[in-house]
């Protein structure tokens, strides 16, 4: 499975971005997927996860209510709608997939990773 993320960019505080991640090589429709983020010098941090069907989601407390994770119609892609962005959301965002339908916030539970996309929020 190869994951390709896009949609990052530079935005002012209070603005919005929509990240997109799609899978190639093998379908991930039966896999849980997630977004993580990382700032240089810090550990990679869980942001949001979604089950294989998209019926359940889970968020980092600080993004809950501002970010929304969803799956594409073919279930082979995910989105992250980010609203009311804050400077502390600035990071490199990575999408990930795991060989299970159930979601988890643990970085070690994910088997496949994309190259990420940079999000920069100016104050």
PDB file of N, CA and C in Angstrom:
ATOM      1  N   UNK A   1       0.835  -1.192   0.000  1.00  0.00           N
ATOM      2  CA  UNK A   1       0.000   0.000   0.000  1.00  0.00           C
ATOM      3  C   UNK A   1       0.872   1.244   0.000  1.00  0.00           C
ATOM      4  N   UNK A   2       0.603   2.135  -0.931  1.00  0.00           N
ATOM      5  CA  UNK A   2       1.273   3.433  -0.941  1.00  0.00           C
ATOM      6  C   UNK A   2       0.215   4.512  -0.681  1.00  0.00           C
ATOM      7  N   UNK A   3       0.540   5.433   0.210  1.00  0.00           N
ATOM      8  CA  UNK A   3      -0.375   6.510   0.565  1.00  0.00           C
ATOM      9  C   UNK A   3       0.196   7.834   0.092  1.00  0.00           C
ATOM     10  N   UNK A   4      -0.664   8.634  -0.506  1.00  0.00           N
ATOM     11  CA  UNK A   4      -0.245   9.924  -1.045  1.00  0.00           C
ATOM     12  C   UNK A   4      -1.122  11.007  -0.441  1.00  0.00           C
ATOM     13  N   UNK A   5      -0.478  11.943   0.263  1.00  0.00           N
ATOM     14  CA  UNK A   5      -1.212  13.036   0.913  1.00  0.00           C
ATOM     15  C   UNK A   5      -0.988  14.342   0.172  1.00  0.00           C
ATOM     16  N   UNK A   6      -1.993  15.190   0.195  1.00  0.00           N
ATOM     17  CA  UNK A   6      -1.896  16.510  -0.418  1.00  0.00           C
ATOM     18  C   UNK A   6      -2.874  17.452   0.266  1.00  0.00           C
ATOM     19  N   UNK A   7      -2.812  18.733  -0.124  1.00  0.00           N
ATOM     20  CA  UNK A   7      -3.770  19.695   0.393  1.00  0.00           C
ATOM     21  C   UNK A   7      -3.221  20.672   1.405  1.00  0.00           C
ATOM     22  N   UNK A   8      -1.982  20.464   1.825  1.00  0.00           N
ATOM     23  CA  UNK A   8      -1.399  21.389   2.784  1.00  0.00           C
ATOM     24  C   UNK A   8      -1.095  22.732   2.148  1.00  0.00           C
ATOM     25  N   UNK A   9      -0.695  23.672   2.991  1.00  0.00           N
ATOM     26  CA  UNK A   9      -0.359  24.991   2.490  1.00  0.00           C
ATOM     27  C   UNK A   9      -0.195  25.984   3.614  1.00  0.00           C
ATOM     28  N   UNK A  10      -0.142  27.256   3.231  1.00  0.00           N
ATOM     29  CA  UNK A  10      -0.015  28.356   4.183  1.00  0.00           C
ATOM     30  C   UNK A  10      -1.363  29.047   4.312  1.00  0.00           C
ATOM     31  N   UNK A  11      -1.813  29.227   5.537  1.00  0.00           N
ATOM     32  CA  UNK A  11      -3.111  29.848   5.772  1.00  0.00           C
ATOM     33  C   UNK A  11      -3.023  30.724   7.017  1.00  0.00           C
ATOM     34  N   UNK A  12      -3.840  31.748   7.064  1.00  0.00           N
ATOM     35  CA  UNK A  12      -3.872  32.596   8.258  1.00  0.00           C
ATOM     36  C   UNK A  12      -4.698  31.940   9.354  1.00  0.00           C
ATOM     37  N   UNK A  13      -4.421  32.304  10.570  1.00  0.00           N
ATOM     38  CA  UNK A  13      -5.199  31.797  11.701  1.00  0.00           C
ATOM     39  C   UNK A  13      -6.681  32.085  11.478  1.00  0.00           C
ATOM     40  N   UNK A  14      -7.500  31.084  11.796  1.00  0.00           N
ATOM     41  CA  UNK A  14      -8.927  31.188  11.553  1.00  0.00           C
ATOM     42  C   UNK A  14      -9.362  30.636  10.216  1.00  0.00           C
ATOM     43  N   UNK A  15      -8.411  30.359   9.350  1.00  0.00           N
ATOM     44  CA  UNK A  15      -8.713  29.840   8.030  1.00  0.00           C
ATOM     45  C   UNK A  15      -8.932  28.338   8.019  1.00  0.00           C
ATOM     46  N   UNK A  16      -9.107  27.807   6.814  1.00  0.00           N
ATOM     47  CA  UNK A  16      -9.406  26.380   6.647  1.00  0.00           C
ATOM     48  C   UNK A  16      -8.520  25.764   5.570  1.00  0.00           C
ATOM     49  N   UNK A  17      -8.287  24.473   5.747  1.00  0.00           N
ATOM     50  CA  UNK A  17      -7.624  23.658   4.731  1.00  0.00           C
ATOM     51  C   UNK A  17      -8.286  22.290   4.716  1.00  0.00           C
ATOM     52  N   UNK A  18      -8.189  21.613   3.558  1.00  0.00           N
ATOM     53  CA  UNK A  18      -8.734  20.258   3.442  1.00  0.00           C
ATOM     54  C   UNK A  18      -7.624  19.354   2.929  1.00  0.00           C
ATOM     55  N   UNK A  19      -7.204  18.421   3.762  1.00  0.00           N
ATOM     56  CA  UNK A  19      -6.174  17.470   3.377  1.00  0.00           C
ATOM     57  C   UNK A  19      -6.816  16.250   2.740  1.00  0.00           C
ATOM     58  N   UNK A  20      -6.072  15.642   1.830  1.00  0.00           N
ATOM     59  CA  UNK A  20      -6.563  14.484   1.082  1.00  0.00           C
ATOM     60  C   UNK A  20      -5.488  13.416   1.056  1.00  0.00           C
ATOM     61  N   UNK A  21      -5.878  12.183   1.239  1.00  0.00           N
ATOM     62  CA  UNK A  21      -4.933  11.073   1.197  1.00  0.00           C
ATOM     63  C   UNK A  21      -5.593   9.921   0.449  1.00  0.00           C
ATOM     64  N   UNK A  22      -4.925   9.402  -0.569  1.00  0.00           N
ATOM     65  CA  UNK A  22      -5.473   8.259  -1.280  1.00  0.00           C
ATOM     66  C   UNK A  22      -4.456   7.135  -1.339  1.00  0.00           C
ATOM     67  N   UNK A  23      -4.953   5.928  -1.470  1.00  0.00           N
ATOM     68  CA  UNK A  23      -4.112   4.734  -1.467  1.00  0.00           C
ATOM     69  C   UNK A  23      -4.006   4.152  -2.861  1.00  0.00           C
ATOM     70  N   UNK A  24      -2.825   3.637  -3.160  1.00  0.00           N
ATOM     71  CA  UNK A  24      -2.599   2.892  -4.394  1.00  0.00           C
ATOM     72  C   UNK A  24      -1.889   1.591  -4.050  1.00  0.00           C
ATOM     73  N   UNK A  25      -1.886   0.685  -4.976  1.00  0.00           N
ATOM     74  CA  UNK A  25      -1.206  -0.581  -4.780  1.00  0.00           C
ATOM     75  C   UNK A  25      -2.119  -1.664  -4.238  1.00  0.00           C
ATOM     76  N   UNK A  26      -3.007  -1.271  -3.354  1.00  0.00           N
ATOM     77  CA  UNK A  26      -3.976  -2.205  -2.777  1.00  0.00           C
ATOM     78  C   UNK A  26      -5.100  -1.378  -2.164  1.00  0.00           C
ATOM     79  N   UNK A  27      -6.293  -1.908  -2.199  1.00  0.00           N
ATOM     80  CA  UNK A  27      -7.396  -1.183  -1.594  1.00  0.00           C
ATOM     81  C   UNK A  27      -7.266  -1.149  -0.079  1.00  0.00           C
ATOM     82  N   UNK A  28      -7.682  -0.042   0.510  1.00  0.00           N
ATOM     83  CA  UNK A  28      -7.662   0.086   1.971  1.00  0.00           C
ATOM     84  C   UNK A  28      -9.080   0.208   2.507  1.00  0.00           C
ATOM     85  N   UNK A  29     -10.066  -0.233   1.714  1.00  0.00           N
ATOM     86  CA  UNK A  29     -11.449  -0.036   2.138  1.00  0.00           C
ATOM     87  C   UNK A  29     -11.788  -0.806   3.403  1.00  0.00           C
ATOM     88  N   UNK A  30     -11.006  -1.826   3.730  1.00  0.00           N
ATOM     89  CA  UNK A  30     -11.240  -2.590   4.945  1.00  0.00           C
ATOM     90  C   UNK A  30     -10.277  -2.218   6.074  1.00  0.00           C
ATOM     91  N   UNK A  31      -9.555  -1.120   5.885  1.00  0.00           N
ATOM     92  CA  UNK A  31      -8.558  -0.701   6.854  1.00  0.00           C
ATOM     93  C   UNK A  31      -9.012   0.555   7.586  1.00  0.00           C
ATOM     94  N   UNK A  32      -8.702   0.646   8.855  1.00  0.00           N
ATOM     95  CA  UNK A  32      -8.821   1.921   9.551  1.00  0.00           C
ATOM     96  C   UNK A  32      -7.699   2.840   9.078  1.00  0.00           C
ATOM     97  N   UNK A  33      -7.981   4.138   9.091  1.00  0.00           N
ATOM     98  CA  UNK A  33      -6.986   5.108   8.648  1.00  0.00           C
ATOM     99  C   UNK A  33      -6.948   6.287   9.615  1.00  0.00           C
ATOM    100  N   UNK A  34      -5.872   7.051   9.517  1.00  0.00           N
ATOM    101  CA  UNK A  34      -5.696   8.126  10.487  1.00  0.00           C
ATOM    102  C   UNK A  34      -4.807   9.226   9.925  1.00  0.00           C
ATOM    103  N   UNK A  35      -4.834  10.351  10.604  1.00  0.00           N
ATOM    104  CA  UNK A  35      -3.916  11.458  10.368  1.00  0.00           C
ATOM    105  C   UNK A  35      -3.079  11.675  11.626  1.00  0.00           C
ATOM    106  N   UNK A  36      -1.803  11.879  11.420  1.00  0.00           N
ATOM    107  CA  UNK A  36      -0.879  12.257  12.475  1.00  0.00           C
ATOM    108  C   UNK A  36      -0.179  13.538  12.032  1.00  0.00           C
ATOM    109  N   UNK A  37       0.489  14.197  12.973  1.00  0.00           N
ATOM    110  CA  UNK A  37       1.266  15.375  12.596  1.00  0.00           C
ATOM    111  C   UNK A  37       2.549  15.438  13.410  1.00  0.00           C
ATOM    112  N   UNK A  38       3.517  16.149  12.875  1.00  0.00           N
ATOM    113  CA  UNK A  38       4.813  16.222  13.540  1.00  0.00           C
ATOM    114  C   UNK A  38       5.459  17.569  13.291  1.00  0.00           C
ATOM    115  N   UNK A  39       5.988  18.132  14.362  1.00  0.00           N
ATOM    116  CA  UNK A  39       6.783  19.350  14.303  1.00  0.00           C
ATOM    117  C   UNK A  39       8.239  18.944  14.487  1.00  0.00           C
ATOM    118  N   UNK A  40       9.162  19.514  13.748  1.00  0.00           N
ATOM    119  CA  UNK A  40      10.578  19.139  13.896  1.00  0.00           C
ATOM    120  C   UNK A  40      11.027  19.216  15.347  1.00  0.00           C
ATOM    121  N   UNK A  41      11.663  18.141  15.801  1.00  0.00           N
ATOM    122  CA  UNK A  41      12.140  18.078  17.167  1.00  0.00           C
ATOM    123  C   UNK A  41      11.152  17.465  18.135  1.00  0.00           C
ATOM    124  N   UNK A  42       9.920  17.251  17.676  1.00  0.00           N
ATOM    125  CA  UNK A  42       8.892  16.646  18.514  1.00  0.00           C
ATOM    126  C   UNK A  42       8.509  15.276  17.988  1.00  0.00           C
ATOM    127  N   UNK A  43       7.834  14.498  18.835  1.00  0.00           N
ATOM    128  CA  UNK A  43       7.341  13.206  18.393  1.00  0.00           C
ATOM    129  C   UNK A  43       6.110  13.395  17.500  1.00  0.00           C
ATOM    130  N   UNK A  44       5.880  12.392  16.666  1.00  0.00           N
ATOM    131  CA  UNK A  44       4.687  12.413  15.824  1.00  0.00           C
ATOM    132  C   UNK A  44       3.453  12.254  16.722  1.00  0.00           C
ATOM    133  N   UNK A  45       2.422  13.039  16.440  1.00  0.00           N
ATOM    134  CA  UNK A  45       1.249  13.142  17.313  1.00  0.00           C
ATOM    135  C   UNK A  45      -0.007  12.711  16.565  1.00  0.00           C
ATOM    136  N   UNK A  46      -0.850  11.945  17.257  1.00  0.00           N
ATOM    137  CA  UNK A  46      -2.136  11.544  16.692  1.00  0.00           C
ATOM    138  C   UNK A  46      -3.041  12.758  16.534  1.00  0.00           C
ATOM    139  N   UNK A  47      -3.787  12.796  15.421  1.00  0.00           N
ATOM    140  CA  UNK A  47      -4.731  13.890  15.177  1.00  0.00           C
ATOM    141  C   UNK A  47      -6.160  13.365  15.078  1.00  0.00           C
ATOM    142  N   UNK A  48      -6.374  12.374  14.212  1.00  0.00           N
ATOM    143  CA  UNK A  48      -7.739  11.863  13.998  1.00  0.00           C
ATOM    144  C   UNK A  48      -7.662  10.489  13.360  1.00  0.00           C
ATOM    145  N   UNK A  49      -8.676   9.660  13.633  1.00  0.00           N
ATOM    146  CA  UNK A  49      -8.746   8.321  13.057  1.00  0.00           C
ATOM    147  C   UNK A  49     -10.180   8.005  12.660  1.00  0.00           C
ATOM    148  N   UNK A  50     -10.308   7.036  11.749  1.00  0.00           N
ATOM    149  CA  UNK A  50     -11.624   6.653  11.264  1.00  0.00           C
ATOM    150  C   UNK A  50     -11.626   5.164  10.970  1.00  0.00           C
ATOM    151  N   UNK A  51     -12.752   4.512  11.237  1.00  0.00           N
ATOM    152  CA  UNK A  51     -12.866   3.084  10.980  1.00  0.00           C
ATOM    153  C   UNK A  51     -12.996   2.801   9.485  1.00  0.00           C
ATOM    154  N   UNK A  52     -12.993   1.534   9.138  1.00  0.00           N
ATOM    155  CA  UNK A  52     -13.034   1.150   7.720  1.00  0.00           C
ATOM    156  C   UNK A  52     -14.304   1.641   7.033  1.00  0.00           C
ATOM    157  N   UNK A  53     -15.419   1.599   7.736  1.00  0.00           N
ATOM    158  CA  UNK A  53     -16.688   2.012   7.127  1.00  0.00           C
ATOM    159  C   UNK A  53     -16.924   3.512   7.242  1.00  0.00           C
ATOM    160  N   UNK A  54     -16.137   4.161   8.091  1.00  0.00           N
ATOM    161  CA  UNK A  54     -16.360   5.579   8.327  1.00  0.00           C
ATOM    162  C   UNK A  54     -17.415   5.864   9.372  1.00  0.00           C
ATOM    163  N   UNK A  55     -17.886   4.818  10.035  1.00  0.00           N
ATOM    164  CA  UNK A  55     -18.987   4.992  10.981  1.00  0.00           C
ATOM    165  C   UNK A  55     -18.549   5.566  12.315  1.00  0.00           C
ATOM    166  N   UNK A  56     -17.272   5.419  12.628  1.00  0.00           N
ATOM    167  CA  UNK A  56     -16.759   5.935  13.899  1.00  0.00           C
ATOM    168  C   UNK A  56     -15.484   6.715  13.661  1.00  0.00           C
ATOM    169  N   UNK A  57     -15.314   7.779  14.448  1.00  0.00           N
ATOM    170  CA  UNK A  57     -14.122   8.614  14.378  1.00  0.00           C
ATOM    171  C   UNK A  57     -13.615   8.933  15.769  1.00  0.00           C
ATOM    172  N   UNK A  58     -12.377   9.375  15.831  1.00  0.00           N
ATOM    173  CA  UNK A  58     -11.767   9.721  17.110  1.00  0.00           C
ATOM    174  C   UNK A  58     -10.791  10.864  16.861  1.00  0.00           C
ATOM    175  N   UNK A  59     -10.734  11.827  17.802  1.00  0.00           N
ATOM    176  CA  UNK A  59      -9.924  13.025  17.591  1.00  0.00           C
ATOM    177  C   UNK A  59      -9.043  13.342  18.783  1.00  0.00           C
ATOM    178  N   UNK A  60      -7.942  13.983  18.508  1.00  0.00           N
ATOM    179  CA  UNK A  60      -7.141  14.630  19.535  1.00  0.00           C
ATOM    180  C   UNK A  60      -8.011  15.716  20.158  1.00  0.00           C
ATOM    181  N   UNK A  61      -7.950  15.861  21.465  1.00  0.00           N
ATOM    182  CA  UNK A  61      -8.829  16.813  22.151  1.00  0.00           C
ATOM    183  C   UNK A  61      -8.710  18.227  21.586  1.00  0.00           C
ATOM    184  N   UNK A  62      -7.515  18.643  21.280  1.00  0.00           N
ATOM    185  CA  UNK A  62      -7.305  20.032  20.860  1.00  0.00           C
ATOM    186  C   UNK A  62      -7.843  20.343  19.466  1.00  0.00           C
ATOM    187  N   UNK A  63      -8.192  19.325  18.692  1.00  0.00           N
ATOM    188  CA  UNK A  63      -8.743  19.567  17.349  1.00  0.00           C
ATOM    189  C   UNK A  63     -10.220  19.188  17.276  1.00  0.00           C
ATOM    190  N   UNK A  64     -10.723  18.546  18.307  1.00  0.00           N
ATOM    191  CA  UNK A  64     -12.119  18.110  18.312  1.00  0.00           C
ATOM    192  C   UNK A  64     -13.039  19.321  18.177  1.00  0.00           C
ATOM    193  N   UNK A  65     -13.950  19.244  17.208  1.00  0.00           N
ATOM    194  CA  UNK A  65     -14.847  20.359  16.956  1.00  0.00           C
ATOM    195  C   UNK A  65     -14.350  21.294  15.874  1.00  0.00           C
ATOM    196  N   UNK A  66     -13.067  21.205  15.540  1.00  0.00           N
ATOM    197  CA  UNK A  66     -12.501  22.035  14.474  1.00  0.00           C
ATOM    198  C   UNK A  66     -12.130  21.213  13.243  1.00  0.00           C
ATOM    199  N   UNK A  67     -11.687  19.977  13.476  1.00  0.00           N
ATOM    200  CA  UNK A  67     -11.276  19.091  12.392  1.00  0.00           C
ATOM    201  C   UNK A  67     -12.320  17.990  12.200  1.00  0.00           C
ATOM    202  N   UNK A  68     -12.461  17.548  10.947  1.00  0.00           N
ATOM    203  CA  UNK A  68     -13.363  16.437  10.643  1.00  0.00           C
ATOM    204  C   UNK A  68     -12.675  15.479   9.688  1.00  0.00           C
ATOM    205  N   UNK A  69     -12.578  14.213  10.107  1.00  0.00           N
ATOM    206  CA  UNK A  69     -12.016  13.180   9.250  1.00  0.00           C
ATOM    207  C   UNK A  69     -13.163  12.447   8.569  1.00  0.00           C
ATOM    208  N   UNK A  70     -12.969  12.088   7.311  1.00  0.00           N
ATOM    209  CA  UNK A  70     -14.012  11.372   6.578  1.00  0.00           C
ATOM    210  C   UNK A  70     -13.353  10.499   5.517  1.00  0.00           C
ATOM    211  N   UNK A  71     -14.131   9.564   4.988  1.00  0.00           N
ATOM    212  CA  UNK A  71     -13.628   8.680   3.940  1.00  0.00           C
ATOM    213  C   UNK A  71     -14.283   9.052   2.612  1.00  0.00           C
ATOM    214  N   UNK A  72     -13.542   8.797   1.534  1.00  0.00           N
ATOM    215  CA  UNK A  72     -14.097   8.990   0.213  1.00  0.00           C
ATOM    216  C   UNK A  72     -15.144   7.937  -0.097  1.00  0.00           C
ATOM    217  N   UNK A  73     -15.897   8.150  -1.154  1.00  0.00           N
ATOM    218  CA  UNK A  73     -16.994   7.249  -1.504  1.00  0.00           C
ATOM    219  C   UNK A  73     -16.528   5.813  -1.740  1.00  0.00           C
ATOM    220  N   UNK A  74     -15.379   5.632  -2.315  1.00  0.00           N
ATOM    221  CA  UNK A  74     -14.855   4.299  -2.587  1.00  0.00           C
ATOM    222  C   UNK A  74     -14.093   3.730  -1.407  1.00  0.00           C
ATOM    223  N   UNK A  75     -14.070   4.491  -0.315  1.00  0.00           N
ATOM    224  CA  UNK A  75     -13.414   4.082   0.934  1.00  0.00           C
ATOM    225  C   UNK A  75     -11.922   3.867   0.762  1.00  0.00           C
ATOM    226  N   UNK A  76     -11.353   4.312  -0.362  1.00  0.00           N
ATOM    227  CA  UNK A  76      -9.919   4.140  -0.585  1.00  0.00           C
ATOM    228  C   UNK A  76      -9.153   5.436  -0.364  1.00  0.00           C
ATOM    229  N   UNK A  77      -9.812   6.385   0.252  1.00  0.00           N
ATOM    230  CA  UNK A  77      -9.179   7.660   0.523  1.00  0.00           C
ATOM    231  C   UNK A  77      -9.790   8.263   1.783  1.00  0.00           C
ATOM    232  N   UNK A  78      -9.069   9.217   2.360  1.00  0.00           N
ATOM    233  CA  UNK A  78      -9.603   9.947   3.504  1.00  0.00           C
ATOM    234  C   UNK A  78      -9.351  11.437   3.315  1.00  0.00           C
ATOM    235  N   UNK A  79     -10.147  12.212   4.023  1.00  0.00           N
ATOM    236  CA  UNK A  79      -9.999  13.652   4.031  1.00  0.00           C
ATOM    237  C   UNK A  79      -9.826  14.119   5.476  1.00  0.00           C
ATOM    238  N   UNK A  80      -9.238  15.285   5.625  1.00  0.00           N
ATOM    239  CA  UNK A  80      -9.222  15.951   6.916  1.00  0.00           C
ATOM    240  C   UNK A  80      -9.589  17.410   6.676  1.00  0.00           C
ATOM    241  N   UNK A  81     -10.813  17.756   7.023  1.00  0.00           N
ATOM    242  CA  UNK A  81     -11.263  19.133   6.926  1.00  0.00           C
ATOM    243  C   UNK A  81     -10.844  19.859   8.191  1.00  0.00           C
ATOM    244  N   UNK A  82     -10.044  20.889   8.042  1.00  0.00           N
ATOM    245  CA  UNK A  82      -9.504  21.622   9.175  1.00  0.00           C
ATOM    246  C   UNK A  82     -10.038  23.047   9.146  1.00  0.00           C
ATOM    247  N   UNK A  83     -10.834  23.393  10.124  1.00  0.00           N
ATOM    248  CA  UNK A  83     -11.415  24.734  10.225  1.00  0.00           C
ATOM    249  C   UNK A  83     -10.860  25.461  11.438  1.00  0.00           C
ATOM    250  N   UNK A  84     -11.005  26.761  11.439  1.00  0.00           N
ATOM    251  CA  UNK A  84     -10.539  27.588  12.554  1.00  0.00           C
ATOM    252  C   UNK A  84      -9.110  27.216  12.948  1.00  0.00           C
ATOM    253  N   UNK A  85      -8.247  27.179  11.976  1.00  0.00           N
ATOM    254  CA  UNK A  85      -6.865  26.760  12.224  1.00  0.00           C
ATOM    255  C   UNK A  85      -6.145  27.743  13.127  1.00  0.00           C
ATOM    256  N   UNK A  86      -5.253  27.199  13.928  1.00  0.00           N
ATOM    257  CA  UNK A  86      -4.470  27.975  14.873  1.00  0.00           C
ATOM    258  C   UNK A  86      -2.981  27.795  14.582  1.00  0.00           C
ATOM    259  N   UNK A  87      -2.154  28.759  14.974  1.00  0.00           N
ATOM    260  CA  UNK A  87      -0.711  28.608  14.734  1.00  0.00           C
ATOM    261  C   UNK A  87      -0.144  27.307  15.307  1.00  0.00           C
ATOM    262  N   UNK A  88      -0.699  26.825  16.407  1.00  0.00           N
ATOM    263  CA  UNK A  88      -0.197  25.586  16.988  1.00  0.00           C
ATOM    264  C   UNK A  88      -0.565  24.354  16.173  1.00  0.00           C
ATOM    265  N   UNK A  89      -1.382  24.508  15.139  1.00  0.00           N
ATOM    266  CA  UNK A  89      -1.670  23.403  14.231  1.00  0.00           C
ATOM    267  C   UNK A  89      -0.585  23.246  13.169  1.00  0.00           C
ATOM    268  N   UNK A  90       0.343  24.181  13.116  1.00  0.00           N
ATOM    269  CA  UNK A  90       1.434  24.107  12.144  1.00  0.00           C
ATOM    270  C   UNK A  90       2.249  22.851  12.366  1.00  0.00           C
ATOM    271  N   UNK A  91       2.371  22.036  11.320  1.00  0.00           N
ATOM    272  CA  UNK A  91       3.082  20.762  11.409  1.00  0.00           C
ATOM    273  C   UNK A  91       3.092  20.110  10.037  1.00  0.00           C
ATOM    274  N   UNK A  92       3.856  19.018   9.946  1.00  0.00           N
ATOM    275  CA  UNK A  92       3.795  18.161   8.774  1.00  0.00           C
ATOM    276  C   UNK A  92       2.764  17.085   9.086  1.00  0.00           C
ATOM    277  N   UNK A  93       1.756  16.965   8.219  1.00  0.00           N
ATOM    278  CA  UNK A  93       0.662  16.038   8.455  1.00  0.00           C
ATOM    279  C   UNK A  93       0.846  14.776   7.622  1.00  0.00           C
ATOM    280  N   UNK A  94       0.694  13.628   8.282  1.00  0.00           N
ATOM    281  CA  UNK A  94       0.872  12.330   7.653  1.00  0.00           C
ATOM    282  C   UNK A  94      -0.426  11.533   7.713  1.00  0.00           C
ATOM    283  N   UNK A  95      -0.736  10.813   6.639  1.00  0.00           N
ATOM    284  CA  UNK A  95      -1.844   9.864   6.706  1.00  0.00           C
ATOM    285  C   UNK A  95      -1.261   8.464   6.881  1.00  0.00           C
ATOM    286  N   UNK A  96      -2.062   7.606   7.497  1.00  0.00           N
ATOM    287  CA  UNK A  96      -1.618   6.261   7.813  1.00  0.00           C
ATOM    288  C   UNK A  96      -2.786   5.287   7.703  1.00  0.00           C
ATOM    289  N   UNK A  97      -2.456   4.023   7.490  1.00  0.00           N
ATOM    290  CA  UNK A  97      -3.468   2.970   7.422  1.00  0.00           C
ATOM    291  C   UNK A  97      -2.958   1.754   8.190  1.00  0.00           C
ATOM    292  N   UNK A  98      -3.909   0.988   8.705  1.00  0.00           N
ATOM    293  CA  UNK A  98      -3.525  -0.223   9.434  1.00  0.00           C
ATOM    294  C   UNK A  98      -4.349  -1.390   8.919  1.00  0.00           C
ATOM    295  N   UNK A  99      -3.791  -2.597   9.087  1.00  0.00           N
ATOM    296  CA  UNK A  99      -4.405  -3.817   8.559  1.00  0.00           C
ATOM    297  C   UNK A  99      -5.547  -4.326   9.429  1.00  0.00           C
ATOM    298  N   UNK A 100      -6.274  -3.400  10.029  1.00  0.00           N
ATOM    299  CA  UNK A 100      -7.427  -3.746  10.853  1.00  0.00           C
ATOM    300  C   UNK A 100      -8.523  -2.715  10.594  1.00  0.00           C
ATOM    301  N   UNK A 101      -9.746  -3.124  10.835  1.00  0.00           N
ATOM    302  CA  UNK A 101     -10.877  -2.229  10.615  1.00  0.00           C
ATOM    303  C   UNK A 101     -11.067  -1.243  11.749  1.00  0.00           C
ATOM    304  N   UNK A 102     -10.582  -1.628  12.947  1.00  0.00           N
ATOM    305  CA  UNK A 102     -10.786  -0.774  14.111  1.00  0.00           C
ATOM    306  C   UNK A 102      -9.707   0.292  14.189  1.00  0.00           C
ATOM    307  N   UNK A 103     -10.077   1.470  14.659  1.00  0.00           N
ATOM    308  CA  UNK A 103      -9.143   2.588  14.729  1.00  0.00           C
ATOM    309  C   UNK A 103      -8.437   2.607  16.081  1.00  0.00           C
ATOM    310  N   UNK A 104      -7.321   3.294  16.114  1.00  0.00           N
ATOM    311  CA  UNK A 104      -6.522   3.436  17.317  1.00  0.00           C
ATOM    312  C   UNK A 104      -5.702   4.709  17.203  1.00  0.00           C
ATOM    313  N   UNK A 105      -5.410   5.390  18.305  1.00  0.00           N
ATOM    314  CA  UNK A 105      -4.565   6.578  18.257  1.00  0.00           C
ATOM    315  C   UNK A 105      -3.071   6.270  18.378  1.00  0.00           C
ATOM    316  N   UNK A 106      -2.726   4.998  18.477  1.00  0.00           N
ATOM    317  CA  UNK A 106      -1.336   4.621  18.711  1.00  0.00           C
ATOM    318  C   UNK A 106      -0.554   4.557  17.406  1.00  0.00           C
ATOM    319  N   UNK A 107       0.520   5.300  17.348  1.00  0.00           N
ATOM    320  CA  UNK A 107       1.320   5.361  16.133  1.00  0.00           C
ATOM    321  C   UNK A 107       1.878   3.997  15.742  1.00  0.00           C
ATOM    322  N   UNK A 108       2.176   3.172  16.720  1.00  0.00           N
ATOM    323  CA  UNK A 108       2.785   1.869  16.435  1.00  0.00           C
ATOM    324  C   UNK A 108       1.796   0.871  15.850  1.00  0.00           C
ATOM    325  N   UNK A 109       0.522   1.184  15.875  1.00  0.00           N
ATOM    326  CA  UNK A 109      -0.495   0.274  15.341  1.00  0.00           C
ATOM    327  C   UNK A 109      -0.721   0.435  13.846  1.00  0.00           C
ATOM    328  N   UNK A 110      -0.071   1.416  13.230  1.00  0.00           N
ATOM    329  CA  UNK A 110      -0.285   1.683  11.813  1.00  0.00           C
ATOM    330  C   UNK A 110       0.841   1.088  10.980  1.00  0.00           C
ATOM    331  N   UNK A 111       0.437   0.469   9.870  1.00  0.00           N
ATOM    332  CA  UNK A 111       1.374  -0.312   9.057  1.00  0.00           C
ATOM    333  C   UNK A 111       1.883   0.442   7.835  1.00  0.00           C
ATOM    334  N   UNK A 112       1.130   1.417   7.358  1.00  0.00           N
ATOM    335  CA  UNK A 112       1.473   2.104   6.115  1.00  0.00           C
ATOM    336  C   UNK A 112       1.395   3.612   6.341  1.00  0.00           C
ATOM    337  N   UNK A 113       2.368   4.314   5.754  1.00  0.00           N
ATOM    338  CA  UNK A 113       2.471   5.751   5.954  1.00  0.00           C
ATOM    339  C   UNK A 113       2.701   6.456   4.630  1.00  0.00           C
ATOM    340  N   UNK A 114       2.103   7.638   4.505  1.00  0.00           N
ATOM    341  CA  UNK A 114       2.379   8.493   3.367  1.00  0.00           C
ATOM    342  C   UNK A 114       3.528   9.434   3.670  1.00  0.00           C
ATOM    343  N   UNK A 115       3.894  10.246   2.687  1.00  0.00           N
ATOM    344  CA  UNK A 115       5.051  11.133   2.841  1.00  0.00           C
ATOM    345  C   UNK A 115       4.683  12.428   3.558  1.00  0.00           C
ATOM    346  N   UNK A 116       3.412  12.710   3.678  1.00  0.00           N
ATOM    347  CA  UNK A 116       2.969  13.874   4.418  1.00  0.00           C
ATOM    348  C   UNK A 116       2.829  15.126   3.580  1.00  0.00           C
ATOM    349  N   UNK A 117       2.172  16.106   4.196  1.00  0.00           N
ATOM    350  CA  UNK A 117       1.975  17.403   3.557  1.00  0.00           C
ATOM    351  C   UNK A 117       2.091  18.486   4.633  1.00  0.00           C
ATOM    352  N   UNK A 118       2.725  19.588   4.293  1.00  0.00           N
ATOM    353  CA  UNK A 118       3.006  20.632   5.279  1.00  0.00           C
ATOM    354  C   UNK A 118       1.836  21.594   5.426  1.00  0.00           C
ATOM    355  N   UNK A 119       1.469  21.850   6.677  1.00  0.00           N
ATOM    356  CA  UNK A 119       0.452  22.843   7.010  1.00  0.00           C
ATOM    357  C   UNK A 119       1.122  23.927   7.850  1.00  0.00           C
ATOM    358  N   UNK A 120       1.010  25.161   7.407  1.00  0.00           N
ATOM    359  CA  UNK A 120       1.581  26.285   8.136  1.00  0.00           C
ATOM    360  C   UNK A 120       0.497  27.323   8.380  1.00  0.00           C
ATOM    361  N   UNK A 121       0.290  27.658   9.654  1.00  0.00           N
ATOM    362  CA  UNK A 121      -0.743  28.618  10.034  1.00  0.00           C
ATOM    363  C   UNK A 121      -0.064  29.850  10.608  1.00  0.00           C
ATOM    364  N   UNK A 122      -0.284  30.976   9.971  1.00  0.00           N
ATOM    365  CA  UNK A 122       0.338  32.216  10.438  1.00  0.00           C
ATOM    366  C   UNK A 122      -0.610  32.953  11.377  1.00  0.00           C
ATOM    367  N   UNK A 123      -0.009  33.666  12.329  1.00  0.00           N
ATOM    368  CA  UNK A 123      -0.829  34.386  13.311  1.00  0.00           C
ATOM    369  C   UNK A 123      -1.173  35.786  12.839  1.00  0.00           C
TER     370      UNK A 123
END
